[in-house]
N, C-alpha and C. Protein backbone atom coordinates (compact mmCIF):
# COMPACT_ATOMS: atom_id res chain seq x y z
N UNK A 1 0.82 -1.19 0.00
CA UNK A 1 0.00 0.00 0.00
C UNK A 1 0.87 1.26 0.00
N UNK A 2 1.88 1.30 0.85
CA UNK A 2 2.74 2.46 0.94
C UNK A 2 3.55 2.63 -0.35
N UNK A 3 3.97 1.53 -0.96
CA UNK A 3 4.73 1.59 -2.20
C UNK A 3 3.88 2.21 -3.31
N UNK A 4 2.60 1.86 -3.33
CA UNK A 4 1.70 2.40 -4.35
C UNK A 4 1.50 3.90 -4.16
N UNK A 5 1.39 4.34 -2.92
CA UNK A 5 1.22 5.77 -2.64
C UNK A 5 2.48 6.54 -3.02
N UNK A 6 3.64 5.98 -2.76
CA UNK A 6 4.90 6.62 -3.12
C UNK A 6 5.02 6.72 -4.64
N UNK A 7 4.65 5.68 -5.32
CA UNK A 7 4.70 5.67 -6.78
C UNK A 7 3.77 6.74 -7.35
N UNK A 8 2.60 6.88 -6.77
CA UNK A 8 1.64 7.88 -7.23
C UNK A 8 2.19 9.30 -7.00
N UNK A 9 2.83 9.52 -5.86
CA UNK A 9 3.42 10.83 -5.59
C UNK A 9 4.52 11.16 -6.59
N UNK A 10 5.34 10.17 -6.92
CA UNK A 10 6.40 10.40 -7.90
C UNK A 10 5.81 10.75 -9.27
N UNK A 11 4.74 10.07 -9.64
CA UNK A 11 4.11 10.37 -10.92
C UNK A 11 3.52 11.78 -10.93
N UNK A 12 2.94 12.20 -9.81
CA UNK A 12 2.39 13.55 -9.72
C UNK A 12 3.50 14.60 -9.81
N UNK A 13 4.63 14.34 -9.18
CA UNK A 13 5.75 15.28 -9.25
C UNK A 13 6.29 15.38 -10.67
N UNK A 14 6.36 14.25 -11.38
CA UNK A 14 6.83 14.26 -12.76
C UNK A 14 5.87 15.05 -13.64
N UNK A 15 4.57 14.91 -13.39
CA UNK A 15 3.58 15.65 -14.18
C UNK A 15 3.74 17.15 -13.94
N UNK A 16 4.01 17.56 -12.71
CA UNK A 16 4.17 18.98 -12.41
C UNK A 16 5.40 19.55 -13.10
N UNK A 17 6.48 18.80 -13.13
CA UNK A 17 7.71 19.30 -13.75
C UNK A 17 7.61 19.30 -15.27
N UNK A 18 6.78 18.43 -15.83
CA UNK A 18 6.63 18.36 -17.29
C UNK A 18 5.61 19.34 -17.83
N UNK A 19 4.91 20.05 -16.94
CA UNK A 19 3.88 20.98 -17.39
C UNK A 19 4.49 22.13 -18.18
N UNK A 20 3.70 22.67 -19.08
CA UNK A 20 4.14 23.81 -19.87
C UNK A 20 4.27 25.04 -18.97
N UNK A 21 5.15 25.98 -19.36
CA UNK A 21 5.23 27.21 -18.58
C UNK A 21 3.94 28.00 -18.71
N UNK A 22 3.71 28.89 -17.77
CA UNK A 22 2.50 29.70 -17.79
C UNK A 22 2.41 30.49 -19.08
N UNK A 23 1.21 30.77 -19.49
CA UNK A 23 0.99 31.50 -20.72
C UNK A 23 1.58 32.88 -20.67
N UNK A 24 1.53 33.50 -19.52
CA UNK A 24 2.08 34.84 -19.38
C UNK A 24 3.57 34.90 -19.60
N UNK A 25 4.26 33.87 -19.20
CA UNK A 25 5.70 33.85 -19.39
C UNK A 25 6.07 33.78 -20.86
N UNK A 26 5.25 33.14 -21.66
CA UNK A 26 5.54 33.00 -23.08
C UNK A 26 5.20 34.25 -23.85
N UNK A 27 4.09 34.88 -23.54
CA UNK A 27 3.58 35.95 -24.38
C UNK A 27 4.23 37.29 -24.13
N UNK A 28 4.55 37.62 -22.91
CA UNK A 28 5.00 38.97 -22.63
C UNK A 28 6.49 39.18 -22.86
N UNK A 29 7.28 38.15 -23.01
CA UNK A 29 8.71 38.32 -23.25
C UNK A 29 9.00 39.13 -24.51
N UNK A 30 8.63 38.63 -25.68
CA UNK A 30 8.88 39.37 -26.91
C UNK A 30 8.11 40.69 -26.98
N UNK A 31 6.92 40.72 -26.44
CA UNK A 31 6.11 41.95 -26.47
C UNK A 31 6.75 43.02 -25.60
N UNK A 32 7.27 42.65 -24.45
CA UNK A 32 7.92 43.63 -23.58
C UNK A 32 9.19 44.18 -24.22
N UNK A 33 9.93 43.31 -24.89
CA UNK A 33 11.15 43.76 -25.57
C UNK A 33 10.79 44.70 -26.72
N UNK A 34 9.78 44.33 -27.51
CA UNK A 34 9.37 45.19 -28.62
C UNK A 34 8.84 46.53 -28.12
N UNK A 35 8.12 46.52 -27.01
CA UNK A 35 7.58 47.76 -26.46
C UNK A 35 8.70 48.66 -25.94
N UNK A 36 9.67 48.07 -25.26
CA UNK A 36 10.79 48.87 -24.76
C UNK A 36 11.59 49.46 -25.92
N UNK A 37 11.79 48.68 -26.97
CA UNK A 37 12.51 49.19 -28.14
C UNK A 37 11.72 50.31 -28.81
N UNK A 38 10.42 50.19 -28.82
CA UNK A 38 9.58 51.22 -29.41
C UNK A 38 9.64 52.52 -28.60
N UNK A 39 9.67 52.40 -27.30
CA UNK A 39 9.80 53.59 -26.46
C UNK A 39 11.14 54.28 -26.72
N UNK A 40 12.20 53.48 -26.82
CA UNK A 40 13.51 54.05 -27.12
C UNK A 40 13.53 54.74 -28.48
N UNK A 41 12.91 54.13 -29.47
CA UNK A 41 12.83 54.72 -30.80
C UNK A 41 12.01 56.01 -30.79
N UNK A 42 10.93 56.01 -30.02
CA UNK A 42 10.09 57.21 -29.92
C UNK A 42 10.87 58.35 -29.28
N UNK A 43 11.62 58.07 -28.24
CA UNK A 43 12.45 59.11 -27.60
C UNK A 43 13.50 59.63 -28.57
N UNK A 44 14.07 58.70 -29.33
CA UNK A 44 15.08 59.09 -30.31
C UNK A 44 14.49 60.08 -31.32
N UNK A 45 13.35 59.74 -31.90
CA UNK A 45 12.73 60.64 -32.87
C UNK A 45 12.29 61.96 -32.22
N UNK A 46 11.70 61.87 -31.06
CA UNK A 46 11.12 63.06 -30.43
C UNK A 46 12.19 64.03 -29.94
N UNK A 47 13.19 63.51 -29.23
CA UNK A 47 14.17 64.39 -28.60
C UNK A 47 15.43 64.61 -29.44
N UNK A 48 15.98 63.58 -30.00
CA UNK A 48 17.26 63.71 -30.70
C UNK A 48 17.10 64.22 -32.13
N UNK A 49 16.12 63.68 -32.84
CA UNK A 49 15.91 64.09 -34.22
C UNK A 49 15.03 65.34 -34.32
N UNK A 50 14.24 65.59 -33.29
CA UNK A 50 13.35 66.75 -33.30
C UNK A 50 12.09 66.53 -34.12
N UNK A 51 11.86 65.31 -34.56
CA UNK A 51 10.65 64.99 -35.34
C UNK A 51 9.56 64.57 -34.35
N UNK A 52 8.85 65.54 -33.83
CA UNK A 52 7.86 65.29 -32.78
C UNK A 52 6.69 64.43 -33.26
N UNK A 53 6.24 64.67 -34.47
CA UNK A 53 5.09 63.91 -34.98
C UNK A 53 5.44 62.43 -35.09
N UNK A 54 6.59 62.12 -35.66
CA UNK A 54 7.00 60.72 -35.77
C UNK A 54 7.25 60.12 -34.39
N UNK A 55 7.83 60.89 -33.49
CA UNK A 55 8.07 60.40 -32.13
C UNK A 55 6.77 60.05 -31.41
N UNK A 56 5.75 60.89 -31.59
CA UNK A 56 4.45 60.58 -30.98
C UNK A 56 3.81 59.36 -31.63
N UNK A 57 3.96 59.25 -32.95
CA UNK A 57 3.38 58.09 -33.65
C UNK A 57 4.02 56.79 -33.17
N UNK A 58 5.34 56.77 -33.11
CA UNK A 58 6.04 55.57 -32.64
C UNK A 58 5.75 55.33 -31.16
N UNK A 59 5.52 56.40 -30.42
CA UNK A 59 5.20 56.27 -29.00
C UNK A 59 3.86 55.60 -28.73
N UNK A 60 3.02 55.54 -29.74
CA UNK A 60 1.73 54.84 -29.58
C UNK A 60 1.85 53.34 -29.81
N UNK A 61 2.96 52.88 -30.30
CA UNK A 61 3.13 51.45 -30.55
C UNK A 61 3.16 50.59 -29.29
N UNK A 62 3.88 50.99 -28.22
CA UNK A 62 3.96 50.09 -27.05
C UNK A 62 2.61 49.69 -26.46
N UNK A 63 1.66 50.62 -26.26
CA UNK A 63 0.38 50.14 -25.72
C UNK A 63 -0.35 49.20 -26.68
N UNK A 64 -0.17 49.43 -27.97
CA UNK A 64 -0.81 48.55 -28.95
C UNK A 64 -0.18 47.16 -28.91
N UNK A 65 1.14 47.11 -28.87
CA UNK A 65 1.84 45.82 -28.81
C UNK A 65 1.45 45.06 -27.54
N UNK A 66 1.43 45.75 -26.41
CA UNK A 66 1.08 45.10 -25.15
C UNK A 66 -0.38 44.67 -25.12
N UNK A 67 -1.25 45.45 -25.77
CA UNK A 67 -2.67 45.06 -25.84
C UNK A 67 -2.85 43.78 -26.64
N UNK A 68 -2.16 43.68 -27.77
CA UNK A 68 -2.24 42.44 -28.56
C UNK A 68 -1.68 41.26 -27.79
N UNK A 69 -0.55 41.45 -27.11
CA UNK A 69 0.04 40.37 -26.32
C UNK A 69 -0.91 39.93 -25.21
N UNK A 70 -1.56 40.88 -24.57
CA UNK A 70 -2.50 40.55 -23.51
C UNK A 70 -3.71 39.78 -24.06
N UNK A 71 -4.19 40.21 -25.21
CA UNK A 71 -5.34 39.52 -25.83
C UNK A 71 -4.99 38.06 -26.13
N UNK A 72 -3.84 37.85 -26.78
CA UNK A 72 -3.46 36.48 -27.13
C UNK A 72 -3.15 35.65 -25.89
N UNK A 73 -2.61 36.27 -24.87
CA UNK A 73 -2.35 35.58 -23.61
C UNK A 73 -3.66 35.14 -22.96
N UNK A 74 -4.63 36.03 -22.92
CA UNK A 74 -5.93 35.69 -22.33
C UNK A 74 -6.63 34.61 -23.15
N UNK A 75 -6.49 34.68 -24.45
CA UNK A 75 -7.12 33.66 -25.31
C UNK A 75 -6.50 32.29 -25.05
N UNK A 76 -5.17 32.23 -24.91
CA UNK A 76 -4.49 30.97 -24.64
C UNK A 76 -4.90 30.42 -23.27
N UNK A 77 -5.01 31.31 -22.27
CA UNK A 77 -5.43 30.86 -20.94
C UNK A 77 -6.86 30.33 -20.97
N UNK A 78 -7.71 30.98 -21.75
CA UNK A 78 -9.11 30.53 -21.86
C UNK A 78 -9.18 29.14 -22.49
N UNK A 79 -8.35 28.91 -23.51
CA UNK A 79 -8.33 27.59 -24.14
C UNK A 79 -7.85 26.53 -23.17
N UNK A 80 -6.84 26.85 -22.37
CA UNK A 80 -6.36 25.90 -21.37
C UNK A 80 -7.43 25.62 -20.32
N UNK A 81 -8.13 26.65 -19.90
CA UNK A 81 -9.20 26.48 -18.92
C UNK A 81 -10.33 25.63 -19.49
N UNK A 82 -10.67 25.85 -20.75
CA UNK A 82 -11.72 25.06 -21.39
C UNK A 82 -11.35 23.59 -21.48
N UNK A 83 -10.09 23.30 -21.78
CA UNK A 83 -9.69 21.89 -21.87
C UNK A 83 -9.71 21.22 -20.49
N UNK A 84 -9.43 22.00 -19.44
CA UNK A 84 -9.44 21.41 -18.10
C UNK A 84 -10.85 21.20 -17.56
N UNK A 85 -11.78 22.09 -17.90
CA UNK A 85 -13.12 22.02 -17.34
C UNK A 85 -14.12 21.33 -18.26
N UNK A 86 -13.70 20.95 -19.41
CA UNK A 86 -14.59 20.31 -20.37
C UNK A 86 -14.97 18.92 -19.88
N UNK A 87 -16.26 18.59 -19.90
CA UNK A 87 -16.67 17.27 -19.42
C UNK A 87 -16.16 16.17 -20.36
N UNK A 88 -15.61 15.14 -19.79
CA UNK A 88 -15.09 14.04 -20.58
C UNK A 88 -16.01 12.83 -20.45
N UNK A 89 -15.95 11.97 -21.43
CA UNK A 89 -16.83 10.79 -21.41
C UNK A 89 -16.32 9.75 -20.42
N UNK A 90 -15.04 9.80 -20.10
CA UNK A 90 -14.50 8.85 -19.13
C UNK A 90 -13.36 9.52 -18.35
N UNK A 91 -12.93 8.85 -17.33
CA UNK A 91 -11.83 9.37 -16.51
C UNK A 91 -10.55 9.42 -17.34
N UNK A 92 -10.37 8.42 -18.18
CA UNK A 92 -9.16 8.39 -19.02
C UNK A 92 -9.12 9.59 -19.97
N UNK A 93 -10.26 9.95 -20.57
CA UNK A 93 -10.31 11.12 -21.45
C UNK A 93 -10.00 12.40 -20.68
N UNK A 94 -10.50 12.50 -19.46
CA UNK A 94 -10.23 13.68 -18.64
C UNK A 94 -8.74 13.80 -18.33
N UNK A 95 -8.11 12.70 -17.98
CA UNK A 95 -6.68 12.72 -17.68
C UNK A 95 -5.88 13.04 -18.93
N UNK A 96 -6.26 12.48 -20.07
CA UNK A 96 -5.57 12.76 -21.32
C UNK A 96 -5.67 14.23 -21.70
N UNK A 97 -6.84 14.84 -21.47
CA UNK A 97 -7.00 16.26 -21.80
C UNK A 97 -6.18 17.15 -20.88
N UNK A 98 -5.97 16.73 -19.63
CA UNK A 98 -5.16 17.51 -18.70
C UNK A 98 -3.68 17.40 -19.06
N UNK A 99 -3.25 16.21 -19.46
CA UNK A 99 -1.84 15.97 -19.76
C UNK A 99 -1.43 16.70 -21.04
N UNK A 100 -2.33 16.84 -21.98
CA UNK A 100 -2.01 17.52 -23.25
C UNK A 100 -1.75 18.92 -22.99
């Protein structure tokens, strides 16, 4: 009995370590880098080049980039939630949907 419980705990630990990283960790990395680069470019145009109109235009990119990243992140989280809460025809189907 104790051996079976230990084996089950080991399997649960392996499942936790094999899980995909959170959706937020995947989506905001490139978006944050692109947004920071856009802010730097906007400052360059606005202050160094003196082209205020272009600096303001480029300065509007970061919120747009972050909004798109947030939308796709929320969509991915919703899909993950749907796969976890979706009723399965059997216990095996439910476990398979969680593991995927």
